[in-house]
Amino acid sequence: FTLADLADDAAAEHRLPDPAPLSDEA
């Protein structure tokens, strides 16, 4: 295992919803 893999796996399990998309102006 690697620390980077452990961090990625933990992040995938606790992933927050994606933010709302920005408008073209934003």
mmCIF file of all heavy atoms, coordinates in Angstrom:
data_MODEL
# 
_entry.id   MODEL 
# 
loop_
_atom_site.group_PDB 
_atom_site.id 
_atom_site.type_symbol 
_atom_site.label_atom_id 
_atom_site.label_alt_id 
_atom_site.label_comp_id 
_atom_site.label_asym_id 
_atom_site.label_entity_id 
_atom_site.label_seq_id 
_atom_site.pdbx_PDB_ins_code 
_atom_site.Cartn_x 
_atom_site.Cartn_y 
_atom_site.Cartn_z 
_atom_site.occupancy 
_atom_site.B_iso_or_equiv 
_atom_site.pdbx_formal_charge 
_atom_site.auth_seq_id 
_atom_site.auth_comp_id 
_atom_site.auth_asym_id 
_atom_site.auth_atom_id 
_atom_site.pdbx_PDB_model_num 
ATOM 1   N N   . PHE A 1 1  ? 0.860   -1.181 0.000   1.00 0.00 ? 1  PHE A N   1 
ATOM 2   C CA  . PHE A 1 1  ? 0.000   0.000  0.000   1.00 0.00 ? 1  PHE A CA  1 
ATOM 3   C C   . PHE A 1 1  ? 0.894   1.228  0.000   1.00 0.00 ? 1  PHE A C   1 
ATOM 4   O O   . PHE A 1 1  ? 2.091   1.133  0.288   1.00 0.00 ? 1  PHE A O   1 
ATOM 5   C CB  . PHE A 1 1  ? -0.933  0.023  1.218   1.00 0.00 ? 1  PHE A CB  1 
ATOM 6   C CG  . PHE A 1 1  ? -0.204  0.117  2.536   1.00 0.00 ? 1  PHE A CG  1 
ATOM 7   C CD1 . PHE A 1 1  ? 0.124   1.348  3.079   1.00 0.00 ? 1  PHE A CD1 1 
ATOM 8   C CD2 . PHE A 1 1  ? 0.173   -1.033 3.217   1.00 0.00 ? 1  PHE A CD2 1 
ATOM 9   C CE1 . PHE A 1 1  ? 0.812   1.438  4.278   1.00 0.00 ? 1  PHE A CE1 1 
ATOM 10  C CE2 . PHE A 1 1  ? 0.866   -0.946 4.419   1.00 0.00 ? 1  PHE A CE2 1 
ATOM 11  C CZ  . PHE A 1 1  ? 1.173   0.291  4.946   1.00 0.00 ? 1  PHE A CZ  1 
ATOM 12  N N   . THR A 1 2  ? 0.339   2.360  -0.348  1.00 0.00 ? 2  THR A N   1 
ATOM 13  C CA  . THR A 1 2  ? 1.054   3.632  -0.276  1.00 0.00 ? 2  THR A CA  1 
ATOM 14  C C   . THR A 1 2  ? 0.188   4.633  0.471   1.00 0.00 ? 2  THR A C   1 
ATOM 15  O O   . THR A 1 2  ? -1.044  4.510  0.518   1.00 0.00 ? 2  THR A O   1 
ATOM 16  C CB  . THR A 1 2  ? 1.383   4.187  -1.669  1.00 0.00 ? 2  THR A CB  1 
ATOM 17  O OG1 . THR A 1 2  ? 0.160   4.508  -2.352  1.00 0.00 ? 2  THR A OG1 1 
ATOM 18  C CG2 . THR A 1 2  ? 2.177   3.176  -2.494  1.00 0.00 ? 2  THR A CG2 1 
ATOM 19  N N   . LEU A 1 3  ? 0.833   5.644  1.047   1.00 0.00 ? 3  LEU A N   1 
ATOM 20  C CA  . LEU A 1 3  ? 0.089   6.695  1.737   1.00 0.00 ? 3  LEU A CA  1 
ATOM 21  C C   . LEU A 1 3  ? -0.827  7.444  0.778   1.00 0.00 ? 3  LEU A C   1 
ATOM 22  O O   . LEU A 1 3  ? -1.949  7.803  1.131   1.00 0.00 ? 3  LEU A O   1 
ATOM 23  C CB  . LEU A 1 3  ? 1.062   7.664  2.405   1.00 0.00 ? 3  LEU A CB  1 
ATOM 24  C CG  . LEU A 1 3  ? 1.932   7.105  3.533   1.00 0.00 ? 3  LEU A CG  1 
ATOM 25  C CD1 . LEU A 1 3  ? 2.873   8.173  4.052   1.00 0.00 ? 3  LEU A CD1 1 
ATOM 26  C CD2 . LEU A 1 3  ? 1.067   6.558  4.659   1.00 0.00 ? 3  LEU A CD2 1 
ATOM 27  N N   . ALA A 1 4  ? -0.341  7.677  -0.436  1.00 0.00 ? 4  ALA A N   1 
ATOM 28  C CA  . ALA A 1 4  ? -1.157  8.387  -1.418  1.00 0.00 ? 4  ALA A CA  1 
ATOM 29  C C   . ALA A 1 4  ? -2.412  7.583  -1.764  1.00 0.00 ? 4  ALA A C   1 
ATOM 30  O O   . ALA A 1 4  ? -3.514  8.139  -1.870  1.00 0.00 ? 4  ALA A O   1 
ATOM 31  C CB  . ALA A 1 4  ? -0.343  8.659  -2.675  1.00 0.00 ? 4  ALA A CB  1 
ATOM 32  N N   . ASP A 1 5  ? -2.264  6.272  -1.923  1.00 0.00 ? 5  ASP A N   1 
ATOM 33  C CA  . ASP A 1 5  ? -3.431  5.433  -2.224  1.00 0.00 ? 5  ASP A CA  1 
ATOM 34  C C   . ASP A 1 5  ? -4.425  5.431  -1.060  1.00 0.00 ? 5  ASP A C   1 
ATOM 35  O O   . ASP A 1 5  ? -5.645  5.497  -1.267  1.00 0.00 ? 5  ASP A O   1 
ATOM 36  C CB  . ASP A 1 5  ? -2.985  4.005  -2.525  1.00 0.00 ? 5  ASP A CB  1 
ATOM 37  C CG  . ASP A 1 5  ? -2.313  3.879  -3.880  1.00 0.00 ? 5  ASP A CG  1 
ATOM 38  O OD1 . ASP A 1 5  ? -2.504  4.783  -4.716  1.00 0.00 ? 5  ASP A OD1 1 
ATOM 39  O OD2 . ASP A 1 5  ? -1.590  2.885  -4.095  1.00 0.00 ? 5  ASP A OD2 1 
ATOM 40  N N   . LEU A 1 6  ? -3.911  5.349  0.161   1.00 0.00 ? 6  LEU A N   1 
ATOM 41  C CA  . LEU A 1 6  ? -4.795  5.370  1.321   1.00 0.00 ? 6  LEU A CA  1 
ATOM 42  C C   . LEU A 1 6  ? -5.575  6.674  1.397   1.00 0.00 ? 6  LEU A C   1 
ATOM 43  O O   . LEU A 1 6  ? -6.772  6.686  1.705   1.00 0.00 ? 6  LEU A O   1 
ATOM 44  C CB  . LEU A 1 6  ? -3.982  5.158  2.599   1.00 0.00 ? 6  LEU A CB  1 
ATOM 45  C CG  . LEU A 1 6  ? -3.380  3.756  2.811   1.00 0.00 ? 6  LEU A CG  1 
ATOM 46  C CD1 . LEU A 1 6  ? -2.502  3.762  4.054   1.00 0.00 ? 6  LEU A CD1 1 
ATOM 47  C CD2 . LEU A 1 6  ? -4.469  2.707  2.922   1.00 0.00 ? 6  LEU A CD2 1 
ATOM 48  N N   . ALA A 1 7  ? -4.888  7.790  1.116   1.00 0.00 ? 7  ALA A N   1 
ATOM 49  C CA  . ALA A 1 7  ? -5.561  9.089  1.157   1.00 0.00 ? 7  ALA A CA  1 
ATOM 50  C C   . ALA A 1 7  ? -6.627  9.176  0.071   1.00 0.00 ? 7  ALA A C   1 
ATOM 51  O O   . ALA A 1 7  ? -7.735  9.682  0.306   1.00 0.00 ? 7  ALA A O   1 
ATOM 52  C CB  . ALA A 1 7  ? -4.533  10.206 0.998   1.00 0.00 ? 7  ALA A CB  1 
ATOM 53  N N   . ASP A 1 8  ? -6.315  8.693  -1.129  1.00 0.00 ? 8  ASP A N   1 
ATOM 54  C CA  . ASP A 1 8  ? -7.279  8.729  -2.232  1.00 0.00 ? 8  ASP A CA  1 
ATOM 55  C C   . ASP A 1 8  ? -8.492  7.848  -1.938  1.00 0.00 ? 8  ASP A C   1 
ATOM 56  O O   . ASP A 1 8  ? -9.638  8.217  -2.220  1.00 0.00 ? 8  ASP A O   1 
ATOM 57  C CB  . ASP A 1 8  ? -6.618  8.291  -3.536  1.00 0.00 ? 8  ASP A CB  1 
ATOM 58  C CG  . ASP A 1 8  ? -5.612  9.307  -4.052  1.00 0.00 ? 8  ASP A CG  1 
ATOM 59  O OD1 . ASP A 1 8  ? -5.685  10.473 -3.613  1.00 0.00 ? 8  ASP A OD1 1 
ATOM 60  O OD2 . ASP A 1 8  ? -4.764  8.940  -4.884  1.00 0.00 ? 8  ASP A OD2 1 
ATOM 61  N N   . ASP A 1 9  ? -8.249  6.668  -1.372  1.00 0.00 ? 9  ASP A N   1 
ATOM 62  C CA  . ASP A 1 9  ? -9.355  5.768  -1.056  1.00 0.00 ? 9  ASP A CA  1 
ATOM 63  C C   . ASP A 1 9  ? -10.271 6.377  0.006   1.00 0.00 ? 9  ASP A C   1 
ATOM 64  O O   . ASP A 1 9  ? -11.509 6.298  -0.096  1.00 0.00 ? 9  ASP A O   1 
ATOM 65  C CB  . ASP A 1 9  ? -8.814  4.422  -0.559  1.00 0.00 ? 9  ASP A CB  1 
ATOM 66  C CG  . ASP A 1 9  ? -8.131  3.624  -1.660  1.00 0.00 ? 9  ASP A CG  1 
ATOM 67  O OD1 . ASP A 1 9  ? -8.334  3.963  -2.848  1.00 0.00 ? 9  ASP A OD1 1 
ATOM 68  O OD2 . ASP A 1 9  ? -7.373  2.691  -1.337  1.00 0.00 ? 9  ASP A OD2 1 
ATOM 69  N N   . ALA A 1 10 ? -9.661  6.982  1.024   1.00 0.00 ? 10 ALA A N   1 
ATOM 70  C CA  . ALA A 1 10 ? -10.465 7.599  2.074   1.00 0.00 ? 10 ALA A CA  1 
ATOM 71  C C   . ALA A 1 10 ? -11.256 8.781  1.531   1.00 0.00 ? 10 ALA A C   1 
ATOM 72  O O   . ALA A 1 10 ? -12.415 9.005  1.910   1.00 0.00 ? 10 ALA A O   1 
ATOM 73  C CB  . ALA A 1 10 ? -9.570  8.052  3.223   1.00 0.00 ? 10 ALA A CB  1 
ATOM 74  N N   . ALA A 1 11 ? -10.649 9.555  0.619   1.00 0.00 ? 11 ALA A N   1 
ATOM 75  C CA  . ALA A 1 11 ? -11.345 10.701 0.036   1.00 0.00 ? 11 ALA A CA  1 
ATOM 76  C C   . ALA A 1 11 ? -12.525 10.249 -0.811  1.00 0.00 ? 11 ALA A C   1 
ATOM 77  O O   . ALA A 1 11 ? -13.583 10.881 -0.815  1.00 0.00 ? 11 ALA A O   1 
ATOM 78  C CB  . ALA A 1 11 ? -10.371 11.521 -0.812  1.00 0.00 ? 11 ALA A CB  1 
ATOM 79  N N   . ALA A 1 12 ? -12.350 9.130  -1.538  1.00 0.00 ? 12 ALA A N   1 
ATOM 80  C CA  . ALA A 1 12 ? -13.434 8.630  -2.384  1.00 0.00 ? 12 ALA A CA  1 
ATOM 81  C C   . ALA A 1 12 ? -14.627 8.197  -1.544  1.00 0.00 ? 12 ALA A C   1 
ATOM 82  O O   . ALA A 1 12 ? -15.788 8.365  -1.946  1.00 0.00 ? 12 ALA A O   1 
ATOM 83  C CB  . ALA A 1 12 ? -12.930 7.475  -3.241  1.00 0.00 ? 12 ALA A CB  1 
ATOM 84  N N   . GLU A 1 13 ? -14.357 7.643  -0.355  1.00 0.00 ? 13 GLU A N   1 
ATOM 85  C CA  . GLU A 1 13 ? -15.439 7.179  0.503   1.00 0.00 ? 13 GLU A CA  1 
ATOM 86  C C   . GLU A 1 13 ? -16.198 8.329  1.155   1.00 0.00 ? 13 GLU A C   1 
ATOM 87  O O   . GLU A 1 13 ? -17.358 8.164  1.547   1.00 0.00 ? 13 GLU A O   1 
ATOM 88  C CB  . GLU A 1 13 ? -14.876 6.253  1.587   1.00 0.00 ? 13 GLU A CB  1 
ATOM 89  C CG  . GLU A 1 13 ? -14.310 4.943  1.041   1.00 0.00 ? 13 GLU A CG  1 
ATOM 90  C CD  . GLU A 1 13 ? -13.689 4.097  2.129   1.00 0.00 ? 13 GLU A CD  1 
ATOM 91  O OE1 . GLU A 1 13 ? -13.754 4.524  3.304   1.00 0.00 ? 13 GLU A OE1 1 
ATOM 92  O OE2 . GLU A 1 13 ? -13.145 3.019  1.818   1.00 0.00 ? 13 GLU A OE2 1 
ATOM 93  N N   . HIS A 1 14 ? -15.549 9.487  1.314   1.00 0.00 ? 14 HIS A N   1 
ATOM 94  C CA  . HIS A 1 14 ? -16.166 10.627 1.997   1.00 0.00 ? 14 HIS A CA  1 
ATOM 95  C C   . HIS A 1 14 ? -16.253 11.835 1.059   1.00 0.00 ? 14 HIS A C   1 
ATOM 96  O O   . HIS A 1 14 ? -16.122 12.978 1.493   1.00 0.00 ? 14 HIS A O   1 
ATOM 97  C CB  . HIS A 1 14 ? -15.370 10.997 3.251   1.00 0.00 ? 14 HIS A CB  1 
ATOM 98  C CG  . HIS A 1 14 ? -15.349 9.924  4.283   1.00 0.00 ? 14 HIS A CG  1 
ATOM 99  N ND1 . HIS A 1 14 ? -14.522 8.816  4.191   1.00 0.00 ? 14 HIS A ND1 1 
ATOM 100 C CD2 . HIS A 1 14 ? -16.057 9.764  5.438   1.00 0.00 ? 14 HIS A CD2 1 
ATOM 101 C CE1 . HIS A 1 14 ? -14.704 8.046  5.257   1.00 0.00 ? 14 HIS A CE1 1 
ATOM 102 N NE2 . HIS A 1 14 ? -15.626 8.585  6.011   1.00 0.00 ? 14 HIS A NE2 1 
ATOM 103 N N   . ARG A 1 15 ? -16.473 11.590 -0.198  1.00 0.00 ? 15 ARG A N   1 
ATOM 104 C CA  . ARG A 1 15 ? -16.487 12.655 -1.183  1.00 0.00 ? 15 ARG A CA  1 
ATOM 105 C C   . ARG A 1 15 ? -17.716 13.530 -1.025  1.00 0.00 ? 15 ARG A C   1 
ATOM 106 O O   . ARG A 1 15 ? -18.843 13.028 -0.929  1.00 0.00 ? 15 ARG A O   1 
ATOM 107 C CB  . ARG A 1 15 ? -16.440 12.073 -2.593  1.00 0.00 ? 15 ARG A CB  1 
ATOM 108 C CG  . ARG A 1 15 ? -16.394 13.125 -3.688  1.00 0.00 ? 15 ARG A CG  1 
ATOM 109 C CD  . ARG A 1 15 ? -16.286 12.479 -5.056  1.00 0.00 ? 15 ARG A CD  1 
ATOM 110 N NE  . ARG A 1 15 ? -16.266 13.475 -6.110  1.00 0.00 ? 15 ARG A NE  1 
ATOM 111 C CZ  . ARG A 1 15 ? -16.192 13.187 -7.405  1.00 0.00 ? 15 ARG A CZ  1 
ATOM 112 N NH1 . ARG A 1 15 ? -16.130 11.908 -7.789  1.00 0.00 ? 15 ARG A NH1 1 
ATOM 113 N NH2 . ARG A 1 15 ? -16.192 14.147 -8.302  1.00 0.00 ? 15 ARG A NH2 1 
ATOM 114 N N   . LEU A 1 16 ? -17.512 14.836 -1.002  1.00 0.00 ? 16 LEU A N   1 
ATOM 115 C CA  . LEU A 1 16 ? -18.615 15.786 -0.945  1.00 0.00 ? 16 LEU A CA  1 
ATOM 116 C C   . LEU A 1 16 ? -19.221 15.955 -2.332  1.00 0.00 ? 16 LEU A C   1 
ATOM 117 O O   . LEU A 1 16 ? -18.571 15.696 -3.343  1.00 0.00 ? 16 LEU A O   1 
ATOM 118 C CB  . LEU A 1 16 ? -18.114 17.145 -0.434  1.00 0.00 ? 16 LEU A CB  1 
ATOM 119 C CG  . LEU A 1 16 ? -17.589 17.174 0.999   1.00 0.00 ? 16 LEU A CG  1 
ATOM 120 C CD1 . LEU A 1 16 ? -17.077 18.573 1.326   1.00 0.00 ? 16 LEU A CD1 1 
ATOM 121 C CD2 . LEU A 1 16 ? -18.668 16.760 1.985   1.00 0.00 ? 16 LEU A CD2 1 
ATOM 122 N N   . PRO A 1 17 ? -20.464 16.382 -2.400  1.00 0.00 ? 17 PRO A N   1 
ATOM 123 C CA  . PRO A 1 17 ? -21.077 16.624 -3.717  1.00 0.00 ? 17 PRO A CA  1 
ATOM 124 C C   . PRO A 1 17 ? -20.285 17.656 -4.511  1.00 0.00 ? 17 PRO A C   1 
ATOM 125 O O   . PRO A 1 17 ? -19.687 18.582 -3.947  1.00 0.00 ? 17 PRO A O   1 
ATOM 126 C CB  . PRO A 1 17 ? -22.475 17.154 -3.356  1.00 0.00 ? 17 PRO A CB  1 
ATOM 127 C CG  . PRO A 1 17 ? -22.723 16.666 -1.960  1.00 0.00 ? 17 PRO A CG  1 
ATOM 128 C CD  . PRO A 1 17 ? -21.393 16.630 -1.289  1.00 0.00 ? 17 PRO A CD  1 
ATOM 129 N N   . ASP A 1 18 ? -20.250 17.481 -5.815  1.00 0.00 ? 18 ASP A N   1 
ATOM 130 C CA  . ASP A 1 18 ? -19.552 18.436 -6.664  1.00 0.00 ? 18 ASP A CA  1 
ATOM 131 C C   . ASP A 1 18 ? -20.219 19.811 -6.573  1.00 0.00 ? 18 ASP A C   1 
ATOM 132 O O   . ASP A 1 18 ? -21.449 19.909 -6.447  1.00 0.00 ? 18 ASP A O   1 
ATOM 133 C CB  . ASP A 1 18 ? -19.568 17.970 -8.124  1.00 0.00 ? 18 ASP A CB  1 
ATOM 134 C CG  . ASP A 1 18 ? -18.730 16.719 -8.338  1.00 0.00 ? 18 ASP A CG  1 
ATOM 135 O OD1 . ASP A 1 18 ? -17.791 16.511 -7.558  1.00 0.00 ? 18 ASP A OD1 1 
ATOM 136 O OD2 . ASP A 1 18 ? -19.038 15.949 -9.281  1.00 0.00 ? 18 ASP A OD2 1 
ATOM 137 N N   . PRO A 1 19 ? -19.415 20.888 -6.620  1.00 0.00 ? 19 PRO A N   1 
ATOM 138 C CA  . PRO A 1 19 ? -20.013 22.231 -6.569  1.00 0.00 ? 19 PRO A CA  1 
ATOM 139 C C   . PRO A 1 19 ? -20.825 22.517 -7.818  1.00 0.00 ? 19 PRO A C   1 
ATOM 140 O O   . PRO A 1 19 ? -20.633 21.897 -8.864  1.00 0.00 ? 19 PRO A O   1 
ATOM 141 C CB  . PRO A 1 19 ? -18.786 23.150 -6.476  1.00 0.00 ? 19 PRO A CB  1 
ATOM 142 C CG  . PRO A 1 19 ? -17.674 22.355 -7.077  1.00 0.00 ? 19 PRO A CG  1 
ATOM 143 C CD  . PRO A 1 19 ? -17.953 20.916 -6.733  1.00 0.00 ? 19 PRO A CD  1 
ATOM 144 N N   . ALA A 1 20 ? -21.716 23.474 -7.690  1.00 0.00 ? 20 ALA A N   1 
ATOM 145 C CA  . ALA A 1 20 ? -22.542 23.858 -8.841  1.00 0.00 ? 20 ALA A CA  1 
ATOM 146 C C   . ALA A 1 20 ? -21.648 24.441 -9.936  1.00 0.00 ? 20 ALA A C   1 
ATOM 147 O O   . ALA A 1 20 ? -20.681 25.159 -9.634  1.00 0.00 ? 20 ALA A O   1 
ATOM 148 C CB  . ALA A 1 20 ? -23.582 24.885 -8.412  1.00 0.00 ? 20 ALA A CB  1 
ATOM 149 N N   . PRO A 1 21 ? -21.927 24.139 -11.200 1.00 0.00 ? 21 PRO A N   1 
ATOM 150 C CA  . PRO A 1 21 ? -21.094 24.668 -12.291 1.00 0.00 ? 21 PRO A CA  1 
ATOM 151 C C   . PRO A 1 21 ? -21.190 26.185 -12.392 1.00 0.00 ? 21 PRO A C   1 
ATOM 152 O O   . PRO A 1 21 ? -22.227 26.784 -12.085 1.00 0.00 ? 21 PRO A O   1 
ATOM 153 C CB  . PRO A 1 21 ? -21.676 23.989 -13.540 1.00 0.00 ? 21 PRO A CB  1 
ATOM 154 C CG  . PRO A 1 21 ? -23.075 23.608 -13.156 1.00 0.00 ? 21 PRO A CG  1 
ATOM 155 C CD  . PRO A 1 21 ? -23.033 23.295 -11.699 1.00 0.00 ? 21 PRO A CD  1 
ATOM 156 N N   . LEU A 1 22 ? -20.089 26.803 -12.805 1.00 0.00 ? 22 LEU A N   1 
ATOM 157 C CA  . LEU A 1 22 ? -20.051 28.260 -12.959 1.00 0.00 ? 22 LEU A CA  1 
ATOM 158 C C   . LEU A 1 22 ? -20.629 28.661 -14.305 1.00 0.00 ? 22 LEU A C   1 
ATOM 159 O O   . LEU A 1 22 ? -20.537 27.930 -15.292 1.00 0.00 ? 22 LEU A O   1 
ATOM 160 C CB  . LEU A 1 22 ? -18.605 28.752 -12.861 1.00 0.00 ? 22 LEU A CB  1 
ATOM 161 C CG  . LEU A 1 22 ? -17.886 28.537 -11.528 1.00 0.00 ? 22 LEU A CG  1 
ATOM 162 C CD1 . LEU A 1 22 ? -16.425 28.960 -11.661 1.00 0.00 ? 22 LEU A CD1 1 
ATOM 163 C CD2 . LEU A 1 22 ? -18.556 29.310 -10.414 1.00 0.00 ? 22 LEU A CD2 1 
ATOM 164 N N   . SER A 1 23 ? -21.219 29.840 -14.333 1.00 0.00 ? 23 SER A N   1 
ATOM 165 C CA  . SER A 1 23 ? -21.692 30.395 -15.593 1.00 0.00 ? 23 SER A CA  1 
ATOM 166 C C   . SER A 1 23 ? -20.494 30.849 -16.426 1.00 0.00 ? 23 SER A C   1 
ATOM 167 O O   . SER A 1 23 ? -19.374 30.988 -15.911 1.00 0.00 ? 23 SER A O   1 
ATOM 168 C CB  . SER A 1 23 ? -22.621 31.575 -15.340 1.00 0.00 ? 23 SER A CB  1 
ATOM 169 O OG  . SER A 1 23 ? -21.897 32.647 -14.728 1.00 0.00 ? 23 SER A OG  1 
ATOM 170 N N   . ASP A 1 24 ? -20.711 31.096 -17.703 1.00 0.00 ? 24 ASP A N   1 
ATOM 171 C CA  . ASP A 1 24 ? -19.632 31.586 -18.567 1.00 0.00 ? 24 ASP A CA  1 
ATOM 172 C C   . ASP A 1 24 ? -19.082 32.912 -18.059 1.00 0.00 ? 24 ASP A C   1 
ATOM 173 O O   . ASP A 1 24 ? -17.872 33.155 -18.099 1.00 0.00 ? 24 ASP A O   1 
ATOM 174 C CB  . ASP A 1 24 ? -20.134 31.735 -20.008 1.00 0.00 ? 24 ASP A CB  1 
ATOM 175 C CG  . ASP A 1 24 ? -20.403 30.385 -20.660 1.00 0.00 ? 24 ASP A CG  1 
ATOM 176 O OD1 . ASP A 1 24 ? -19.888 29.369 -20.164 1.00 0.00 ? 24 ASP A OD1 1 
ATOM 177 O OD2 . ASP A 1 24 ? -21.142 30.362 -21.662 1.00 0.00 ? 24 ASP A OD2 1 
ATOM 178 N N   . GLU A 1 25 ? -19.974 33.755 -17.573 1.00 0.00 ? 25 GLU A N   1 
ATOM 179 C CA  . GLU A 1 25 ? -19.536 35.059 -17.040 1.00 0.00 ? 25 GLU A CA  1 
ATOM 180 C C   . GLU A 1 25 ? -18.672 34.876 -15.799 1.00 0.00 ? 25 GLU A C   1 
ATOM 181 O O   . GLU A 1 25 ? -17.639 35.543 -15.637 1.00 0.00 ? 25 GLU A O   1 
ATOM 182 C CB  . GLU A 1 25 ? -20.751 35.918 -16.711 1.00 0.00 ? 25 GLU A CB  1 
ATOM 183 C CG  . GLU A 1 25 ? -20.395 37.300 -16.170 1.00 0.00 ? 25 GLU A CG  1 
ATOM 184 C CD  . GLU A 1 25 ? -21.625 38.129 -15.850 1.00 0.00 ? 25 GLU A CD  1 
ATOM 185 O OE1 . GLU A 1 25 ? -22.752 37.630 -16.067 1.00 0.00 ? 25 GLU A OE1 1 
ATOM 186 O OE2 . GLU A 1 25 ? -21.454 39.276 -15.393 1.00 0.00 ? 25 GLU A OE2 1 
ATOM 187 N N   . ALA A 1 26 ? -19.093 33.944 -14.939 1.00 0.00 ? 26 ALA A N   1 
ATOM 188 C CA  . ALA A 1 26 ? -18.314 33.691 -13.723 1.00 0.00 ? 26 ALA A CA  1 
ATOM 189 C C   . ALA A 1 26 ? -16.957 33.087 -14.067 1.00 0.00 ? 26 ALA A C   1 
ATOM 190 O O   . ALA A 1 26 ? -15.948 33.410 -13.429 1.00 0.00 ? 26 ALA A O   1 
ATOM 191 C CB  . ALA A 1 26 ? -19.088 32.771 -12.789 1.00 0.00 ? 26 ALA A CB  1 
# 
